[in-house]
């Protein structure tokens, strides 16, 4: 939708700018206003789902578009966040009397935002844009509530606090202990000495030589003892 800034007279633009600035500084409860410096004729807002409704816990983005005949003609409202509601069409268009036959130029944008928020509390099935939602509201409220709550959870809750799918910091969580993957350092020096001895040929040879020398000494001593016993017999 094209901007209507050039189509509105300067005095209307001044009034709109003043009201939008006041809304941004002091918005209605449960509503945030995001003015656009580039196009004052399109006002983006976010409405918190009222408690006690199937929209509770959700945040619904919406925009108001001021036409070239504003304020003689009411603005048009659109939900940007998908919502299951009798008075919201499949393209987000909003059907409420204040945006139609009940509009008066002196009502202002604050009144429009409050009326749309009240529409979340008190839907009007008699002027339904979403016929299925309007029918369920009248005939099977439990099913209407279930459907409305499901879409709120899917589209209006921002991934449950904004953390869903966020990459984890590699420094988050418990860290492995130093040398945890090194069995040599985990086991201590005694374990390290074993493979060193097994892999060192020189140490192995030295051990064998020592054993051989010990055996030779024992044999020589035995021979001397035998010789002395033989001499005694003579």
Protein backbone atom coordinates (compact mmCIF):
# COMPACT_ATOMS: atom_id res chain seq x y z
CA UNK A 1 0.00 0.00 0.00
CA UNK A 2 1.44 3.37 -1.09
CA UNK A 3 2.20 6.16 1.35
CA UNK A 4 -0.33 8.95 1.68
CA UNK A 5 2.04 11.51 3.15
CA UNK A 6 1.95 13.60 -0.02
CA UNK A 7 -1.86 13.37 -0.20
CA UNK A 8 -2.59 14.70 3.29
CA UNK A 9 -2.67 18.43 3.93
CA UNK A 10 0.11 19.86 6.15
CA UNK A 11 -2.17 20.61 9.10
CA UNK A 12 -3.41 16.99 9.16
CA UNK A 13 0.16 15.70 9.00
CA UNK A 14 1.07 17.91 11.96
CA UNK A 15 -1.86 16.57 13.99
CA UNK A 16 -0.98 12.97 13.09
CA UNK A 17 2.67 13.48 13.99
CA UNK A 18 1.70 15.01 17.32
CA UNK A 19 -0.68 12.17 18.19
CA UNK A 20 1.71 9.43 17.10
CA UNK A 21 4.53 10.98 19.14
CA UNK A 22 2.24 11.08 22.19
CA UNK A 23 1.27 7.44 21.66
CA UNK A 24 4.91 6.37 21.40
CA UNK A 25 5.79 8.27 24.58
CA UNK A 26 2.71 7.16 26.55
CA UNK A 27 1.05 4.17 24.87
CA UNK A 28 -2.14 2.51 26.15
CA UNK A 29 -1.59 -0.35 28.59
CA UNK A 30 -0.58 -3.56 26.82
CA UNK A 31 0.12 -1.78 23.53
CA UNK A 32 3.43 -0.68 22.03
CA UNK A 33 3.65 1.82 19.20
CA UNK A 34 6.44 1.91 16.60
CA UNK A 35 6.28 5.11 14.55
CA UNK A 36 7.95 5.22 11.16
CA UNK A 37 10.03 8.28 10.41
CA UNK A 38 9.67 7.57 6.71
CA UNK A 39 5.88 7.19 6.60
CA UNK A 40 3.76 8.72 9.34
CA UNK A 41 0.60 7.47 7.63
CA UNK A 42 1.37 3.83 8.50
CA UNK A 43 1.51 3.07 12.20
CA UNK A 44 2.89 -0.27 13.41
CA UNK A 45 1.89 -1.54 16.84
CA UNK A 46 2.10 -4.63 19.04
CA UNK A 47 -0.83 -5.67 21.23
CA UNK A 48 -0.47 -8.05 24.15
CA UNK A 49 -3.13 -10.74 24.31
CA UNK A 50 -5.44 -9.91 27.24
CA UNK A 51 -5.48 -12.23 30.24
CA UNK A 52 -8.47 -14.53 30.45
CA UNK A 53 -8.67 -14.91 26.67
CA UNK A 54 -7.21 -17.58 24.36
CA UNK A 55 -4.80 -14.88 23.16
CA UNK A 56 -3.14 -14.44 26.58
CA UNK A 57 0.65 -14.69 26.46
CA UNK A 58 0.81 -13.71 22.81
CA UNK A 59 1.98 -10.48 21.21
CA UNK A 60 0.12 -9.52 18.05
CA UNK A 61 1.66 -7.16 15.54
CA UNK A 62 -0.76 -4.85 13.79
CA UNK A 63 -0.72 -1.79 11.54
CA UNK A 64 -3.04 1.15 10.96
CA UNK A 65 -3.03 2.78 7.55
CA UNK A 66 -4.26 6.34 7.19
CA UNK A 67 -5.86 7.03 3.82
CA UNK A 68 -5.69 10.26 1.82
CA UNK A 69 -9.07 11.35 3.26
CA UNK A 70 -8.09 10.86 6.92
CA UNK A 71 -9.47 11.98 9.37
CA UNK A 72 -12.77 12.30 7.54
CA UNK A 73 -12.46 8.58 6.70
CA UNK A 74 -11.33 6.07 9.36
CA UNK A 75 -7.97 4.31 9.11
CA UNK A 76 -7.78 0.69 8.01
CA UNK A 77 -6.47 -1.88 10.44
CA UNK A 78 -4.61 -5.11 9.69
CA UNK A 79 -3.23 -7.83 11.94
CA UNK A 80 0.23 -8.85 10.75
CA UNK A 81 0.35 -11.75 13.20
CA UNK A 82 -1.91 -14.64 12.27
CA UNK A 83 -4.87 -14.92 14.64
CA UNK A 84 -8.03 -17.04 14.85
CA UNK A 85 -10.70 -14.45 15.58
CA UNK A 86 -14.23 -13.87 14.19
CA UNK A 87 -13.52 -10.24 13.31
CA UNK A 88 -10.16 -10.74 11.62
CA UNK A 89 -10.07 -11.91 8.01
CA UNK A 90 -7.63 -14.37 6.48
CA UNK A 91 -5.48 -11.50 5.19
CA UNK A 92 -5.46 -9.78 8.58
CA UNK A 93 -8.14 -7.19 7.83
CA UNK A 94 -10.08 -6.05 10.90
CA UNK A 95 -13.82 -5.57 11.06
CA UNK A 96 -14.90 -3.31 13.94
CA UNK A 97 -17.53 -0.58 14.03
CA UNK A 98 -15.11 2.15 15.07
CA UNK A 99 -13.31 1.64 11.75
CA UNK A 100 -16.60 1.87 9.89
CA UNK A 101 -19.91 3.51 10.68
CA UNK A 102 -19.02 4.57 14.24
CA UNK A 103 -15.94 6.51 13.21
CA UNK A 104 -15.64 10.17 14.14
CA UNK A 105 -12.67 12.36 13.31
CA UNK A 106 -12.29 13.45 16.92
CA UNK A 107 -11.91 9.88 18.23
CA UNK A 108 -8.24 9.66 17.36
CA UNK A 109 -5.82 6.76 17.01
CA UNK A 110 -5.60 5.96 20.72
CA UNK A 111 -9.32 5.17 20.76
CA UNK A 112 -8.88 2.90 17.73
CA UNK A 113 -6.08 0.91 19.38
CA UNK A 114 -8.04 0.47 22.61
CA UNK A 115 -11.12 -0.67 20.67
CA UNK A 116 -9.12 -3.28 18.77
CA UNK A 117 -7.62 -4.56 22.03
CA UNK A 118 -11.15 -4.81 23.49
CA UNK A 119 -12.13 -6.79 20.40
CA UNK A 120 -9.77 -9.54 21.58
CA UNK A 121 -11.77 -9.71 24.81
CA UNK A 122 -15.25 -9.36 23.31
CA UNK A 123 -15.43 -10.74 19.76
CA UNK A 124 -18.52 -9.91 17.71
CA UNK A 125 -19.69 -12.98 15.79
CA UNK A 126 -22.47 -10.98 14.08
CA UNK A 127 -19.95 -9.16 11.88
CA UNK A 128 -17.58 -12.04 11.34
CA UNK A 129 -14.95 -11.95 8.63
CA UNK A 130 -13.78 -15.41 9.68
CA UNK A 131 -17.05 -17.34 9.46
CA UNK A 132 -15.63 -20.51 10.97
CA UNK A 133 -14.37 -18.66 14.03
CA UNK A 134 -17.71 -16.89 14.37
CA UNK A 135 -19.64 -20.17 14.12
CA UNK A 136 -17.46 -21.92 16.70
CA UNK A 137 -17.71 -18.97 19.05
CA UNK A 138 -21.50 -19.37 19.08
CA UNK A 139 -21.83 -23.16 18.83
CA UNK A 140 -18.72 -24.68 20.42
CA UNK A 141 -16.74 -22.24 22.52
CA UNK A 142 -14.34 -24.92 23.76
CA UNK A 143 -13.30 -25.69 20.18
CA UNK A 144 -13.05 -21.99 19.34
CA UNK A 145 -10.86 -21.40 22.38
CA UNK A 146 -8.67 -24.39 21.51
CA UNK A 147 -8.14 -23.20 17.94
CA UNK A 148 -7.47 -19.62 18.98
CA UNK A 149 -4.99 -20.69 21.66
CA UNK A 150 -3.16 -23.01 19.27
CA UNK A 151 -2.60 -20.25 16.70
CA UNK A 152 -1.54 -17.91 19.50
CA UNK A 153 1.11 -20.39 20.64
CA UNK A 154 2.34 -20.97 17.09
CA UNK A 155 2.38 -17.43 15.72
CA UNK A 156 2.27 -14.94 18.61
CA UNK A 157 4.61 -16.25 21.26
CA UNK A 158 7.94 -15.52 19.51
CA UNK A 159 9.50 -19.04 19.93
CA UNK A 160 8.76 -19.14 23.70
CA UNK A 161 11.00 -16.32 24.98
CA UNK A 162 13.18 -15.96 21.82
CA UNK A 163 15.60 -18.76 22.68
CA UNK A 164 14.27 -21.50 20.39
CA UNK A 165 16.87 -22.55 17.83
CA UNK A 166 19.57 -20.22 19.17
CA UNK A 167 23.06 -21.64 18.67
CA UNK A 168 24.66 -22.63 21.91
CA UNK A 169 27.85 -20.97 23.06
CA UNK A 170 30.63 -23.56 23.14
CA UNK A 171 31.63 -22.14 26.53
CA UNK A 172 28.15 -22.83 27.99
CA UNK A 173 27.65 -25.83 30.25
CA UNK A 174 30.22 -27.98 32.10
CA UNK A 175 33.66 -28.11 30.61
CA UNK A 176 35.87 -31.25 30.47
CA UNK A 177 38.70 -31.34 32.99
CA UNK A 178 42.19 -30.66 31.78
CA UNK A 179 43.92 -33.80 30.45
CA UNK A 180 40.62 -35.69 30.73
CA UNK A 181 41.30 -37.25 27.35
CA UNK A 182 44.93 -38.21 28.09
CA UNK A 183 45.04 -41.65 29.75
CA UNK A 184 48.76 -41.26 30.42
CA UNK A 185 48.24 -38.10 32.51
CA UNK A 186 45.07 -39.49 34.16
CA UNK A 187 46.88 -42.67 35.32
CA UNK A 188 49.98 -40.96 36.68
CA UNK A 189 53.70 -41.67 36.28
CA UNK A 190 53.54 -45.35 37.26
CA UNK A 191 51.37 -46.09 34.24
CA UNK A 192 53.65 -44.11 32.00
CA UNK A 193 56.65 -46.13 33.14
CA UNK A 194 55.18 -49.43 31.98
CA UNK A 195 54.91 -48.70 28.25
CA UNK A 196 58.25 -46.90 28.41
CA UNK A 197 59.90 -50.03 29.71
CA UNK A 198 58.11 -52.18 27.18
CA UNK A 199 59.14 -49.96 24.33
CA UNK A 200 62.80 -49.49 25.37
CA UNK A 201 65.01 -52.23 24.01
CA UNK A 202 68.06 -51.07 25.94
CA UNK A 203 66.33 -51.36 29.28
CA UNK A 204 65.07 -54.80 28.35
CA UNK A 205 68.56 -55.98 27.42
CA UNK A 206 70.01 -54.64 30.64
CA UNK A 207 67.44 -56.55 32.67
CA UNK A 208 68.24 -59.78 30.79
CA UNK A 209 72.00 -59.33 31.26
CA UNK A 210 71.58 -58.78 34.98
CA UNK A 211 69.56 -61.97 35.31
CA UNK A 212 72.21 -63.92 33.34
CA UNK A 213 75.04 -62.63 35.53
CA UNK A 214 73.16 -63.65 38.66
CA UNK A 215 72.61 -67.15 37.32
CA UNK A 216 76.33 -67.52 36.41
CA UNK A 217 77.38 -66.45 39.92
CA UNK A 218 75.08 -69.02 41.49
CA UNK A 219 76.50 -71.83 39.31
CA UNK A 220 80.11 -70.90 40.09
CA UNK A 221 79.39 -70.83 43.83
CA UNK A 222 77.76 -74.26 43.64
CA UNK A 223 80.79 -75.69 41.86
CA UNK A 224 83.16 -74.35 44.56
CA UNK A 225 81.01 -75.88 47.30
CA UNK A 226 81.01 -79.23 45.54
CA UNK A 227 84.79 -79.09 45.16
CA UNK A 228 85.25 -78.43 48.91
CA UNK A 229 83.01 -81.36 49.81
CA UNK A 230 85.06 -83.59 47.53
CA UNK A 231 88.35 -82.49 49.16
CA UNK A 232 86.99 -83.30 52.63
CA UNK A 233 86.20 -86.80 51.58
CA UNK A 234 89.87 -87.32 50.63
